[in-house]
Amino acid sequence: MEDAAYPESFADHPDSITEIRSDRKQAAAGRLPRDVLIHVLKCIDRGDTNPDHLVVCYRQPLHEAKDGHMVTDTFYSIAGPDPHVVLGLLTRTIMEITGRR
């Protein structure tokens, strides 16, 4: 998917060691956020998928509180024309993650 708007393609980007290990174990714990983003870009650029909506949610540790707990903040970024579809996408994802499908 290389064009003027997207000059760099991730279609042939190599898998990282953490991506290979986590795929082998089927565990998200070993994946780095950057690995997940690149994986999605690779799938799009190879033509494996063509999403019409996308939600990226992430948490960022800010600092350690006096009691030792991390104080965090949550961010998201959305692409897609219909916010109701985005809510459905999030709900379905929660059901998939928790096994309540």
Protein backbone atom coordinates (compact mmCIF):
# COMPACT_ATOMS: atom_id res chain seq x y z
CA MET A 1 0.00 0.00 0.00
CA GLU A 2 2.68 2.45 -0.95
CA ASP A 3 1.46 5.78 -2.28
CA ALA A 4 2.07 9.50 -1.78
CA ALA A 5 0.05 9.58 1.45
CA TYR A 6 1.87 6.54 2.89
CA PRO A 7 5.39 6.46 1.44
CA GLU A 8 6.63 3.67 3.72
CA SER A 9 5.18 0.18 3.58
CA PHE A 10 5.41 -2.26 6.48
CA ALA A 11 4.44 -5.23 4.27
CA ASP A 12 7.95 -6.73 4.38
CA HIS A 13 8.88 -5.56 7.87
CA PRO A 14 10.50 -8.45 9.77
CA ASP A 15 8.90 -9.94 12.86
CA SER A 16 10.59 -8.98 16.12
CA ILE A 17 11.90 -11.58 18.56
CA THR A 18 9.23 -10.64 21.11
CA GLU A 19 6.49 -11.01 18.46
CA ILE A 20 7.75 -14.46 17.45
CA ARG A 21 8.01 -15.63 21.08
CA SER A 22 4.58 -14.32 22.08
CA ASP A 23 2.97 -15.85 18.97
CA ARG A 24 4.54 -19.19 19.84
CA LYS A 25 3.18 -19.00 23.41
CA GLN A 26 -0.07 -17.27 22.36
CA ALA A 27 0.54 -14.76 25.13
CA ALA A 28 0.11 -11.01 25.02
CA ALA A 29 2.43 -10.49 28.00
CA GLY A 30 5.53 -10.88 25.85
CA ARG A 31 4.47 -8.40 23.21
CA LEU A 32 5.58 -4.82 23.17
CA PRO A 33 3.06 -2.12 22.17
CA ARG A 34 5.22 -1.20 19.19
CA ASP A 35 5.17 -4.84 18.00
CA VAL A 36 1.37 -4.84 18.01
CA LEU A 37 1.15 -1.59 16.04
CA ILE A 38 3.66 -2.80 13.46
CA HIS A 39 1.79 -6.12 13.17
CA VAL A 40 -1.43 -4.27 12.31
CA LEU A 41 0.42 -2.08 9.77
CA LYS A 42 1.96 -5.20 8.19
CA CYS A 43 -1.46 -6.84 7.83
CA ILE A 44 -2.91 -3.70 6.24
CA ASP A 45 0.03 -3.10 3.90
CA ARG A 46 0.12 -6.75 2.76
CA GLY A 47 -3.59 -6.57 1.99
CA ASP A 48 -4.47 -9.22 4.59
CA THR A 49 -7.04 -6.85 6.09
CA ASN A 50 -8.66 -3.54 5.24
CA PRO A 51 -10.27 -2.16 8.40
CA ASP A 52 -12.94 0.51 8.15
CA HIS A 53 -12.74 1.30 11.88
CA LEU A 54 -9.81 1.13 14.29
CA VAL A 55 -9.44 1.80 17.99
CA VAL A 56 -6.09 2.00 19.72
CA CYS A 57 -6.20 2.17 23.52
CA TYR A 58 -3.12 2.43 25.65
CA ARG A 59 -2.01 3.10 29.17
CA GLN A 60 1.00 5.14 30.10
CA PRO A 61 2.62 5.00 33.54
CA LEU A 62 3.19 8.53 34.75
CA HIS A 63 4.95 8.21 38.09
CA GLU A 64 5.19 6.16 41.24
CA ALA A 65 2.93 7.25 44.10
CA LYS A 66 4.12 7.44 47.74
CA ASP A 67 2.57 4.03 48.46
CA GLY A 68 4.54 2.46 45.61
CA HIS A 69 1.68 2.12 43.15
CA MET A 70 2.03 3.48 39.66
CA VAL A 71 -0.22 6.37 38.76
CA THR A 72 -1.28 5.92 35.15
CA ASP A 73 -3.21 7.67 32.44
CA THR A 74 -5.24 6.18 29.60
CA PHE A 75 -5.34 7.37 26.01
CA TYR A 76 -7.11 6.31 22.85
CA SER A 77 -7.15 7.09 19.17
CA ILE A 78 -10.04 6.26 16.84
CA ALA A 79 -10.36 5.99 13.07
CA GLY A 80 -13.73 5.44 11.44
CA PRO A 81 -16.83 7.32 10.42
CA ASP A 82 -19.34 5.82 12.88
CA PRO A 83 -18.83 6.14 16.68
CA HIS A 84 -21.53 3.50 17.29
CA VAL A 85 -19.52 0.95 15.31
CA VAL A 86 -16.49 1.86 17.43
CA LEU A 87 -18.46 1.14 20.62
CA GLY A 88 -19.58 -2.20 19.21
CA LEU A 89 -16.00 -3.00 18.25
CA LEU A 90 -14.82 -2.26 21.78
CA THR A 91 -17.62 -4.33 23.32
CA ARG A 92 -16.91 -7.30 21.09
CA THR A 93 -13.20 -7.04 21.86
CA ILE A 94 -13.89 -7.08 25.61
CA MET A 95 -16.05 -10.18 25.14
CA GLU A 96 -13.27 -11.89 23.13
CA ILE A 97 -10.60 -11.04 25.71
CA THR A 98 -12.69 -12.24 28.66
CA GLY A 99 -13.92 -15.39 26.87
CA ARG A 100 -17.58 -14.37 27.00
CA ARG A 101 -18.16 -14.79 23.32
